[in-house]
Amino acid sequence: MKSGLLIVVGTLIAVAGIVFGLQGLGYIGGSVMSGVTFWAVLGPLIALTGIALAVFGVRYRRSAR
């Protein structure tokens, strides 16, 4: 159960980071985050954190078997 939760949460964080990055770069408009350099830099870092969390969940699942 714990590994599945890590995978789901990591995936959601990665998707949010991608959206934040795209908003920061101005590809997604209609937000106060659009075109702001802070989000263009922080978005990919958030996405990488989510990916790392999901990968950790997958590895945890494999080692628990």
N, C-alpha and C. Protein backbone atom coordinates (compact mmCIF):
# COMPACT_ATOMS: atom_id res chain seq x y z
N MET A 1 0.83 -1.20 0.00
CA MET A 1 0.00 0.00 0.00
C MET A 1 0.87 1.26 0.00
N LYS A 2 1.93 1.25 0.81
CA LYS A 2 2.78 2.43 0.92
C LYS A 2 3.45 2.75 -0.41
N SER A 3 3.91 1.73 -1.12
CA SER A 3 4.59 1.98 -2.40
C SER A 3 3.61 2.52 -3.44
N GLY A 4 2.40 2.03 -3.45
CA GLY A 4 1.40 2.53 -4.38
C GLY A 4 1.07 3.99 -4.12
N LEU A 5 1.01 4.35 -2.85
CA LEU A 5 0.75 5.73 -2.48
C LEU A 5 1.91 6.63 -2.92
N LEU A 6 3.14 6.17 -2.76
CA LEU A 6 4.31 6.94 -3.20
C LEU A 6 4.28 7.16 -4.71
N ILE A 7 3.89 6.14 -5.44
CA ILE A 7 3.83 6.25 -6.90
C ILE A 7 2.76 7.27 -7.32
N VAL A 8 1.59 7.18 -6.72
CA VAL A 8 0.49 8.09 -7.07
C VAL A 8 0.84 9.53 -6.69
N VAL A 9 1.32 9.73 -5.48
CA VAL A 9 1.66 11.09 -5.03
C VAL A 9 2.81 11.65 -5.86
N GLY A 10 3.82 10.83 -6.13
CA GLY A 10 4.94 11.28 -6.96
C GLY A 10 4.50 11.68 -8.35
N THR A 11 3.59 10.91 -8.93
CA THR A 11 3.07 11.22 -10.26
C THR A 11 2.30 12.54 -10.26
N LEU A 12 1.47 12.73 -9.24
CA LEU A 12 0.69 13.97 -9.15
C LEU A 12 1.62 15.18 -8.96
N ILE A 13 2.65 15.04 -8.16
CA ILE A 13 3.61 16.12 -7.95
C ILE A 13 4.35 16.42 -9.26
N ALA A 14 4.72 15.37 -9.99
CA ALA A 14 5.42 15.56 -11.26
C ALA A 14 4.53 16.30 -12.27
N VAL A 15 3.27 15.92 -12.35
CA VAL A 15 2.35 16.60 -13.27
C VAL A 15 2.18 18.06 -12.86
N ALA A 16 2.04 18.32 -11.57
CA ALA A 16 1.91 19.70 -11.10
C ALA A 16 3.16 20.50 -11.46
N GLY A 17 4.34 19.91 -11.29
CA GLY A 17 5.57 20.59 -11.63
C GLY A 17 5.67 20.92 -13.11
N ILE A 18 5.21 19.99 -13.94
CA ILE A 18 5.21 20.23 -15.39
C ILE A 18 4.27 21.39 -15.73
N VAL A 19 3.10 21.39 -15.13
CA VAL A 19 2.14 22.48 -15.37
C VAL A 19 2.71 23.81 -14.89
N PHE A 20 3.33 23.81 -13.72
CA PHE A 20 3.93 25.04 -13.20
C PHE A 20 5.01 25.55 -14.14
N GLY A 21 5.84 24.65 -14.63
CA GLY A 21 6.91 25.04 -15.54
C GLY A 21 6.37 25.60 -16.84
N LEU A 22 5.35 24.96 -17.39
CA LEU A 22 4.76 25.44 -18.64
C LEU A 22 4.09 26.80 -18.44
N GLN A 23 3.47 27.00 -17.28
CA GLN A 23 2.89 28.30 -16.99
C GLN A 23 3.98 29.36 -16.86
N GLY A 24 5.05 29.02 -16.19
CA GLY A 24 6.15 29.96 -16.03
C GLY A 24 6.78 30.35 -17.35
N LEU A 25 6.82 29.40 -18.29
CA LEU A 25 7.37 29.69 -19.61
C LEU A 25 6.37 30.42 -20.51
N GLY A 26 5.12 30.51 -20.08
CA GLY A 26 4.11 31.24 -20.84
C GLY A 26 3.35 30.38 -21.84
N TYR A 27 3.54 29.06 -21.83
CA TYR A 27 2.81 28.18 -22.74
C TYR A 27 1.37 27.95 -22.30
N ILE A 28 1.12 28.07 -21.00
CA ILE A 28 -0.23 27.96 -20.46
C ILE A 28 -0.55 29.32 -19.84
N GLY A 29 -1.55 29.98 -20.36
CA GLY A 29 -1.90 31.31 -19.88
C GLY A 29 -3.07 31.31 -18.93
N GLY A 30 -3.46 32.49 -18.51
CA GLY A 30 -4.64 32.64 -17.67
C GLY A 30 -4.40 32.50 -16.20
N SER A 31 -3.17 32.66 -15.77
CA SER A 31 -2.84 32.52 -14.36
C SER A 31 -1.84 33.60 -13.97
N VAL A 32 -1.78 33.90 -12.69
CA VAL A 32 -0.77 34.85 -12.22
C VAL A 32 0.63 34.26 -12.32
N MET A 33 0.72 32.94 -12.52
CA MET A 33 2.00 32.26 -12.67
C MET A 33 2.52 32.34 -14.10
N SER A 34 1.69 32.74 -15.03
CA SER A 34 2.06 32.76 -16.45
C SER A 34 3.13 33.81 -16.71
N GLY A 35 4.21 33.36 -17.33
CA GLY A 35 5.29 34.25 -17.71
C GLY A 35 6.20 34.68 -16.57
N VAL A 36 6.10 34.02 -15.42
CA VAL A 36 6.93 34.37 -14.26
C VAL A 36 8.13 33.43 -14.21
N THR A 37 9.33 33.99 -14.23
CA THR A 37 10.56 33.20 -14.27
C THR A 37 10.68 32.27 -13.08
N PHE A 38 10.22 32.69 -11.91
CA PHE A 38 10.28 31.85 -10.71
C PHE A 38 9.66 30.49 -10.96
N TRP A 39 8.49 30.45 -11.60
CA TRP A 39 7.81 29.19 -11.86
C TRP A 39 8.44 28.43 -13.01
N ALA A 40 9.07 29.14 -13.93
CA ALA A 40 9.77 28.47 -15.02
C ALA A 40 10.98 27.70 -14.49
N VAL A 41 11.55 28.17 -13.41
CA VAL A 41 12.69 27.48 -12.79
C VAL A 41 12.22 26.44 -11.77
N LEU A 42 11.28 26.81 -10.92
CA LEU A 42 10.83 25.91 -9.85
C LEU A 42 9.99 24.75 -10.37
N GLY A 43 9.24 24.95 -11.44
CA GLY A 43 8.38 23.88 -11.98
C GLY A 43 9.14 22.61 -12.32
N PRO A 44 10.22 22.70 -13.11
CA PRO A 44 10.98 21.47 -13.40
C PRO A 44 11.60 20.84 -12.16
N LEU A 45 11.99 21.64 -11.19
CA LEU A 45 12.54 21.07 -9.95
C LEU A 45 11.47 20.29 -9.18
N ILE A 46 10.26 20.83 -9.16
CA ILE A 46 9.14 20.13 -8.53
C ILE A 46 8.85 18.83 -9.29
N ALA A 47 8.87 18.90 -10.63
CA ALA A 47 8.61 17.72 -11.45
C ALA A 47 9.66 16.64 -11.19
N LEU A 48 10.91 17.02 -11.10
CA LEU A 48 11.97 16.05 -10.82
C LEU A 48 11.81 15.42 -9.44
N THR A 49 11.37 16.20 -8.48
CA THR A 49 11.11 15.66 -7.15
C THR A 49 9.99 14.62 -7.19
N GLY A 50 8.94 14.92 -7.93
CA GLY A 50 7.83 13.97 -8.08
C GLY A 50 8.26 12.70 -8.78
N ILE A 51 9.08 12.83 -9.82
CA ILE A 51 9.57 11.66 -10.53
C ILE A 51 10.43 10.81 -9.61
N ALA A 52 11.30 11.45 -8.83
CA ALA A 52 12.15 10.71 -7.90
C ALA A 52 11.30 9.97 -6.86
N LEU A 53 10.26 10.60 -6.39
CA LEU A 53 9.37 9.96 -5.42
C LEU A 53 8.67 8.75 -6.03
N ALA A 54 8.19 8.89 -7.26
CA ALA A 54 7.53 7.77 -7.93
C ALA A 54 8.51 6.63 -8.19
N VAL A 55 9.72 6.94 -8.61
CA VAL A 55 10.73 5.91 -8.84
C VAL A 55 11.06 5.20 -7.54
N PHE A 56 11.18 5.96 -6.45
CA PHE A 56 11.42 5.35 -5.15
C PHE A 56 10.29 4.40 -4.78
N GLY A 57 9.05 4.78 -5.08
CA GLY A 57 7.91 3.90 -4.81
C GLY A 57 7.96 2.63 -5.62
N VAL A 58 8.37 2.72 -6.87
CA VAL A 58 8.49 1.52 -7.72
C VAL A 58 9.59 0.61 -7.17
N ARG A 59 10.72 1.19 -6.81
CA ARG A 59 11.82 0.38 -6.28
C ARG A 59 11.45 -0.23 -4.93
N TYR A 60 10.73 0.51 -4.11
CA TYR A 60 10.29 0.01 -2.81
C TYR A 60 9.34 -1.17 -3.00
N ARG A 61 8.50 -1.08 -4.03
CA ARG A 61 7.55 -2.15 -4.32
C ARG A 61 8.28 -3.41 -4.73
N ARG A 62 9.31 -3.27 -5.56
CA ARG A 62 10.08 -4.43 -6.04
C ARG A 62 10.87 -5.08 -4.91
N SER A 63 11.43 -4.28 -4.00
CA SER A 63 12.25 -4.84 -2.92
C SER A 63 11.38 -5.46 -1.83
N ALA A 64 10.13 -5.04 -1.73
CA ALA A 64 9.24 -5.58 -0.70
C ALA A 64 8.71 -6.96 -1.04
N ARG A 65 8.85 -7.36 -2.28
CA ARG A 65 8.33 -8.67 -2.69
C ARG A 65 9.20 -9.79 -2.26
